[in-house]
Protein backbone atom coordinates (compact mmCIF):
# COMPACT_ATOMS: atom_id res chain seq x y z
CA UNK A 1 -6.10 75.87 -48.60
CA UNK A 2 -6.91 76.37 -52.84
CA UNK A 3 -4.96 74.62 -55.28
CA UNK A 4 -2.68 76.79 -57.41
CA UNK A 5 -2.25 76.07 -61.05
CA UNK A 6 -4.65 73.21 -60.44
CA UNK A 7 -4.70 72.90 -64.32
CA UNK A 8 -2.29 73.17 -66.83
CA UNK A 9 -2.42 73.51 -71.08
CA UNK A 10 -0.95 71.13 -73.39
CA UNK A 11 1.24 73.49 -74.59
CA UNK A 12 2.67 74.37 -71.19
CA UNK A 13 2.69 70.51 -70.18
CA UNK A 14 5.06 70.11 -73.66
CA UNK A 15 7.20 72.55 -72.22
CA UNK A 16 7.41 71.16 -68.83
CA UNK A 17 8.27 67.62 -70.59
CA UNK A 18 10.79 69.19 -72.20
CA UNK A 19 12.41 70.56 -68.64
CA UNK A 20 14.86 70.34 -66.18
CA UNK A 21 12.36 68.47 -63.78
CA UNK A 22 9.27 66.95 -65.86
CA UNK A 23 6.56 65.56 -64.22
CA UNK A 24 5.55 62.42 -63.49
CA UNK A 25 2.55 61.44 -65.42
CA UNK A 26 -0.61 59.29 -64.86
CA UNK A 27 -3.14 57.97 -67.23
CA UNK A 28 -6.53 58.25 -65.90
CA UNK A 29 -8.81 57.32 -68.59
CA UNK A 30 -11.92 55.51 -67.73
CA UNK A 31 -15.94 55.74 -68.39
CA UNK A 32 -18.76 55.62 -66.13
CA UNK A 33 -19.97 51.77 -66.54
CA UNK A 34 -24.16 52.22 -67.30
CA UNK A 35 -26.20 49.51 -68.82
CA UNK A 36 -25.34 48.85 -72.00
CA UNK A 37 -26.88 47.50 -75.43
CA UNK A 38 -26.43 43.32 -75.61
CA UNK A 39 -23.26 42.93 -77.81
CA UNK A 40 -21.41 46.49 -76.72
CA UNK A 41 -17.86 45.82 -75.12
CA UNK A 42 -17.26 47.48 -72.41
CA UNK A 43 -14.70 50.18 -72.16
CA UNK A 44 -11.20 49.33 -71.38
CA UNK A 45 -9.18 52.09 -69.95
CA UNK A 46 -5.71 50.02 -70.05
CA UNK A 47 -6.37 48.91 -73.55
CA UNK A 48 -6.88 52.55 -74.10
CA UNK A 49 -3.59 53.48 -72.62
CA UNK A 50 -1.47 50.38 -74.43
CA UNK A 51 -3.02 51.82 -77.98
CA UNK A 52 -1.16 55.25 -77.51
CA UNK A 53 -0.37 57.30 -74.40
CA UNK A 54 1.81 59.96 -73.34
CA UNK A 55 5.21 59.37 -73.41
CA UNK A 56 6.57 57.88 -69.98
CA UNK A 57 2.83 58.23 -68.97
CA UNK A 58 1.88 55.32 -66.43
CA UNK A 59 -2.08 53.84 -66.33
CA UNK A 60 -3.72 54.29 -63.17
CA UNK A 61 -7.03 51.56 -62.71
CA UNK A 62 -9.98 54.40 -61.24
CA UNK A 63 -11.55 50.91 -59.61
CA UNK A 64 -8.95 49.31 -58.71
CA UNK A 65 -6.80 52.10 -57.25
CA UNK A 66 -8.37 55.40 -56.72
CA UNK A 67 -11.57 53.88 -55.15
CA UNK A 68 -12.76 50.41 -52.91
CA UNK A 69 -15.40 48.21 -53.49
CA UNK A 70 -19.08 49.19 -54.11
CA UNK A 71 -20.90 49.16 -50.95
CA UNK A 72 -22.88 50.96 -48.67
CA UNK A 73 -20.38 53.38 -48.50
CA UNK A 74 -21.09 54.42 -52.40
CA UNK A 75 -19.95 53.09 -55.78
CA UNK A 76 -16.62 54.79 -55.53
CA UNK A 77 -15.63 55.05 -51.52
CA UNK A 78 -12.59 56.31 -50.80
CA UNK A 79 -10.00 53.56 -51.42
CA UNK A 80 -7.19 51.56 -49.18
CA UNK A 81 -4.63 54.23 -48.77
CA UNK A 82 -2.08 51.22 -48.44
CA UNK A 83 -3.68 50.30 -52.43
CA UNK A 84 -3.49 54.03 -53.09
CA UNK A 85 -0.05 54.81 -51.89
CA UNK A 86 1.55 51.74 -53.79
CA UNK A 87 0.03 52.38 -57.08
CA UNK A 88 1.30 55.75 -56.84
CA UNK A 89 4.57 55.11 -55.85
CA UNK A 90 4.33 52.16 -58.47
CA UNK A 91 3.85 55.05 -61.31
CA UNK A 92 6.91 57.32 -60.05
CA UNK A 93 4.98 59.87 -57.47
CA UNK A 94 6.95 61.18 -54.84
CA UNK A 95 6.75 63.96 -52.49
CA UNK A 96 9.18 66.48 -54.27
CA UNK A 97 8.10 66.12 -57.73
CA UNK A 98 5.44 67.51 -59.74
CA UNK A 99 2.09 65.33 -61.06
CA UNK A 100 0.10 66.02 -64.10
CA UNK A 101 -3.08 63.54 -64.50
CA UNK A 102 -4.76 63.44 -67.73
CA UNK A 103 -7.74 61.06 -69.25
CA UNK A 104 -10.02 60.64 -72.10
CA UNK A 105 -10.78 64.67 -72.47
CA UNK A 106 -13.74 64.57 -69.51
CA UNK A 107 -12.20 65.02 -66.98
CA UNK A 108 -13.49 63.53 -64.37
CA UNK A 109 -11.43 60.77 -64.07
CA UNK A 110 -8.39 62.93 -63.98
CA UNK A 111 -10.07 64.91 -61.42
CA UNK A 112 -11.09 61.95 -59.12
CA UNK A 113 -6.93 61.09 -59.25
CA UNK A 114 -6.17 65.02 -58.63
CA UNK A 115 -8.45 65.32 -55.43
CA UNK A 116 -6.84 61.99 -53.77
CA UNK A 117 -3.52 63.23 -54.43
CA UNK A 118 -4.77 66.76 -53.24
CA UNK A 119 -5.95 65.59 -50.02
CA UNK A 120 -3.75 62.83 -49.27
CA UNK A 121 -0.90 65.56 -48.97
CA UNK A 122 1.03 65.55 -52.57
CA UNK A 123 1.82 69.92 -53.02
CA UNK A 124 1.73 69.98 -57.02
CA UNK A 125 -0.74 67.84 -58.78
CA UNK A 126 -2.55 69.57 -61.48
CA UNK A 127 -5.18 67.88 -64.23
CA UNK A 128 -4.48 68.28 -68.25
CA UNK A 129 -6.98 70.93 -69.19
CA UNK A 130 -9.24 69.29 -71.88
CA UNK A 131 -7.31 65.68 -71.50
CA UNK A 132 -5.61 63.48 -74.03
CA UNK A 133 -7.90 65.18 -77.46
CA UNK A 134 -5.99 68.25 -76.25
CA UNK A 135 -2.24 66.81 -76.55
CA UNK A 136 -0.59 67.73 -80.31
CA UNK A 137 2.62 65.41 -79.37
CA UNK A 138 3.60 62.33 -80.29
CA UNK A 139 1.92 59.16 -78.35
CA UNK A 140 3.79 55.84 -77.38
CA UNK A 141 2.88 52.03 -77.01
CA UNK A 142 5.84 51.12 -75.41
CA UNK A 143 5.14 50.60 -71.53
CA UNK A 144 7.55 52.83 -69.18
CA UNK A 145 9.51 51.67 -65.96
CA UNK A 146 9.37 54.50 -63.96
CA UNK A 147 11.96 54.34 -60.62
CA UNK A 148 10.21 53.68 -57.08
CA UNK A 149 8.48 56.68 -55.89
CA UNK A 150 8.14 57.74 -52.34
CA UNK A 151 4.44 59.70 -51.88
CA UNK A 152 2.86 58.20 -48.55
CA UNK A 153 -0.79 59.10 -48.89
CA UNK A 154 -1.44 61.13 -45.22
CA UNK A 155 -5.78 62.16 -45.04
CA UNK A 156 -6.07 65.70 -44.86
CA UNK A 157 -8.03 66.88 -41.91
CA UNK A 158 -10.37 68.99 -44.36
CA UNK A 159 -11.98 68.64 -47.44
CA UNK A 160 -13.83 65.51 -47.19
CA UNK A 161 -16.97 65.29 -46.16
CA UNK A 162 -19.62 62.23 -44.60
CA UNK A 163 -23.14 62.06 -45.39
CA UNK A 164 -24.30 63.88 -41.97
CA UNK A 165 -21.34 66.51 -43.08
CA UNK A 166 -23.16 66.65 -46.65
CA UNK A 167 -26.94 67.36 -44.97
CA UNK A 168 -25.20 69.71 -42.49
CA UNK A 169 -23.91 71.97 -45.32
CA UNK A 170 -26.74 72.27 -46.94
CA UNK A 171 -28.15 73.58 -44.36
CA UNK A 172 -25.37 76.64 -42.93
CA UNK A 173 -23.22 77.21 -46.08
CA UNK A 174 -23.56 75.73 -49.89
CA UNK A 175 -23.89 72.38 -51.02
CA UNK A 176 -23.80 71.99 -54.80
CA UNK A 177 -25.17 69.01 -57.10
CA UNK A 178 -22.79 68.22 -59.57
CA UNK A 179 -25.32 65.79 -61.62
CA UNK A 180 -27.52 66.51 -64.49
CA UNK A 181 -30.25 69.09 -63.67
CA UNK A 182 -32.70 66.07 -64.73
CA UNK A 183 -31.54 63.77 -61.97
CA UNK A 184 -30.87 66.37 -59.41
CA UNK A 185 -34.96 66.76 -59.80
CA UNK A 186 -35.34 63.46 -59.95
CA UNK A 187 -37.01 62.84 -63.06
CA UNK A 188 -34.51 60.22 -64.43
CA UNK A 189 -32.33 58.07 -62.41
CA UNK A 190 -30.48 55.16 -64.43
CA UNK A 191 -27.93 54.29 -61.76
CA UNK A 192 -29.66 54.38 -57.93
CA UNK A 193 -32.17 53.41 -55.99
CA UNK A 194 -33.94 56.64 -56.37
CA UNK A 195 -33.53 59.73 -58.20
CA UNK A 196 -33.92 63.46 -56.64
CA UNK A 197 -31.14 65.43 -53.98
CA UNK A 198 -30.03 65.97 -50.47
CA UNK A 199 -32.65 68.49 -49.37
CA UNK A 200 -30.99 72.16 -49.47
CA UNK A 201 -28.05 71.19 -52.11
CA UNK A 202 -27.82 73.74 -55.17
CA UNK A 203 -27.68 72.23 -58.44
CA UNK A 204 -25.11 72.86 -60.40
CA UNK A 205 -23.99 69.91 -63.23
CA UNK A 206 -20.50 69.70 -63.55
CA UNK A 207 -20.66 69.64 -67.36
CA UNK A 208 -21.13 73.44 -67.26
CA UNK A 209 -17.51 74.24 -66.56
CA UNK A 210 -16.40 73.46 -69.43
CA UNK A 211 -16.63 74.34 -72.70
CA UNK A 212 -17.20 72.64 -75.96
CA UNK A 213 -13.72 71.74 -76.06
CA UNK A 214 -13.60 70.39 -72.98
CA UNK A 215 -11.71 72.34 -71.42
CA UNK A 216 -12.44 74.75 -68.21
CA UNK A 217 -13.97 78.30 -68.95
CA UNK A 218 -11.33 81.15 -68.43
CA UNK A 219 -11.07 81.48 -63.90
CA UNK A 220 -12.99 84.83 -64.24
CA UNK A 221 -16.27 82.84 -65.44
CA UNK A 222 -16.26 79.93 -63.40
CA UNK A 223 -16.17 82.50 -60.36
CA UNK A 224 -19.40 84.29 -61.57
CA UNK A 225 -21.12 81.45 -62.01
CA UNK A 226 -20.46 80.13 -58.52
CA UNK A 227 -20.87 83.11 -57.33
CA UNK A 228 -24.72 82.98 -58.36
CA UNK A 229 -24.97 79.71 -56.95
CA UNK A 230 -24.31 81.38 -53.63
CA UNK A 231 -20.62 80.11 -53.58
CA UNK A 232 -18.12 82.86 -53.38
CA UNK A 233 -19.69 84.33 -50.04
CA UNK A 234 -17.06 83.60 -47.56
CA UNK A 235 -19.67 80.38 -47.12
CA UNK A 236 -18.61 76.71 -46.50
CA UNK A 237 -18.91 75.06 -49.85
CA UNK A 238 -19.27 71.09 -50.61
CA UNK A 239 -20.02 68.96 -54.02
CA UNK A 240 -21.50 65.83 -54.47
CA UNK A 241 -22.33 63.86 -57.56
CA UNK A 242 -23.07 60.46 -58.01
CA UNK A 243 -20.20 58.70 -56.74
CA UNK A 244 -17.57 60.88 -56.19
CA UNK A 245 -15.91 61.12 -59.56
CA UNK A 246 -17.71 64.27 -61.21
CA UNK A 247 -17.65 65.77 -58.27
CA UNK A 248 -14.29 66.05 -57.97
CA UNK A 249 -14.45 67.64 -61.14
CA UNK A 250 -16.08 70.24 -59.69
CA UNK A 251 -13.93 70.64 -56.77
CA UNK A 252 -11.64 71.16 -59.53
CA UNK A 253 -13.27 73.69 -60.77
CA UNK A 254 -13.85 76.18 -58.26
CA UNK A 255 -10.27 75.33 -57.20
CA UNK A 256 -9.59 76.95 -60.43
CA UNK A 257 -12.30 79.85 -59.73
CA UNK A 258 -10.70 80.04 -56.51
CA UNK A 259 -12.92 78.66 -54.08
CA UNK A 260 -12.16 76.30 -51.68
CA UNK A 261 -14.67 72.89 -51.46
CA UNK A 262 -15.02 69.75 -49.97
CA UNK A 263 -16.13 66.43 -51.77
CA UNK A 264 -18.78 64.37 -50.29
CA UNK A 265 -17.30 61.17 -51.93
CA UNK A 266 -20.55 58.90 -50.87
CA UNK A 267 -22.27 61.02 -52.48
CA UNK A 268 -25.81 60.18 -54.26
CA UNK A 269 -24.83 56.79 -54.53
CA UNK A 270 -24.22 56.68 -50.80
CA UNK A 271 -27.20 58.83 -49.71
CA UNK A 272 -30.00 57.27 -51.41
CA UNK A 273 -28.95 53.84 -50.56
CA UNK A 274 -30.07 54.20 -46.93
CA UNK A 275 -34.36 54.46 -46.78
CA UNK A 276 -34.27 56.83 -43.98
CA UNK A 277 -31.85 59.64 -45.26
CA UNK A 278 -34.89 62.06 -46.77
CA UNK A 279 -35.11 62.84 -50.22
CA UNK A 280 -35.96 65.76 -52.48
CA UNK A 281 -37.33 65.69 -55.42
CA UNK A 282 -38.51 68.72 -58.23
CA UNK A 283 -36.21 71.87 -59.77
CA UNK A 284 -33.81 74.11 -57.67
CA UNK A 285 -35.73 76.37 -55.09
CA UNK A 286 -33.31 79.50 -55.33
């Protein structure tokens, strides 16, 4: 079922925080770890959080709490649900209280948390559109101590694809590749074993779902984009990316457009690690 009101504006969030039932806030600032120039420091989401965060927000570590260790199932496989559930309860997440997730502005990490909470049964979770840069209110540096939440994650029966399911969907429905076009075409591959895409997948870079300010395009524009990609005719829709992070952002964009979609969490990092799986290269043939 499509998530209603999957995103929230900064002004709406400010109003909700001042209301009778303020949401739980999760800070999931993160950046993809790629090869860096010698001496360049790695991004530290916890340090960024400590330097200033939305009042009452709790930091969540994407690599440690929203994903398991990298391995044969990809760079960001599904987390152990006990670890994920404990992290959510530590942050104060309860089944009956709304949750708002934000990151540094790109939206990928926040979308990963949104997708996991939705897939494991939370009924009311939204992403701050535009992330922290969109917030005009005060920040705090003190660490909150929220009351323990009661959220118990229960995996959904829909919304998740494995490698076989993604391959089948590319033949029978619409499988969107959320990576940059040059990675889809196999022209460059900075991270994984080989470049290219899952045969039959459609190129749909997630960066084209947002404007220059990092906020999502209006729902009607997103619906038009996805319709042009074949994802609005009632056919089942799936999404993959490099490791199941930016793909979650595309699932979120589809939800804003009113379209259900499943996520192949292992994504290209899992698919390409197995030499027996087919790889297509070149432009989208549509």
